[in-house]
């Protein structure tokens, strides 16, 4: 088994399996808020704790202020993961996710594997960048379509008091 495949796909699936299981159980019991909250907190933790601390640990261990050296393929994978995250944020910014949006996210995720298997190896970098662009374009489209709702959400986040946000309607 390829080390890259092991580190990129198998290890994250194994480490995120508990969150996925808990989110699935919440969804099974029709507690969608808790299910989505579980998945979002897992993703936030992954990006802030893991990706954010790796360069710091590398700098401390190497005794320099150099950043973490990242190869081209790793940059492309980071771009793809970040683009997926932007799409997910755009989708969840409305505080709901439609069946169509979920299907689109799942289709794009699996399309990466199909496209990666069909294109020649020397095109894989272009394929990752192209899929990243698709995610970013769709995220922009969703945000433009929901701009009024997003403006109200941002306004609530900055102006509305915590007690008003917490009180049930």
Foldseek 3Di string as FASTA:
>chain_A
DDPCCCVVPVVVCVVCVVLQVVLVVCVVVVNNLVSVVSVVVVVVCCCCVPVVCPQVVVCVVVVHNDGDDDDLVRVLVVLLVVLLVLLVCLQCLLVDHDPVSVVVSVVLVVVLVVVCVPDDPVCNSVSSVVSSVVSNVNSVVSCVVCVVSNVVSVCCVPPPDPVVVPDDD
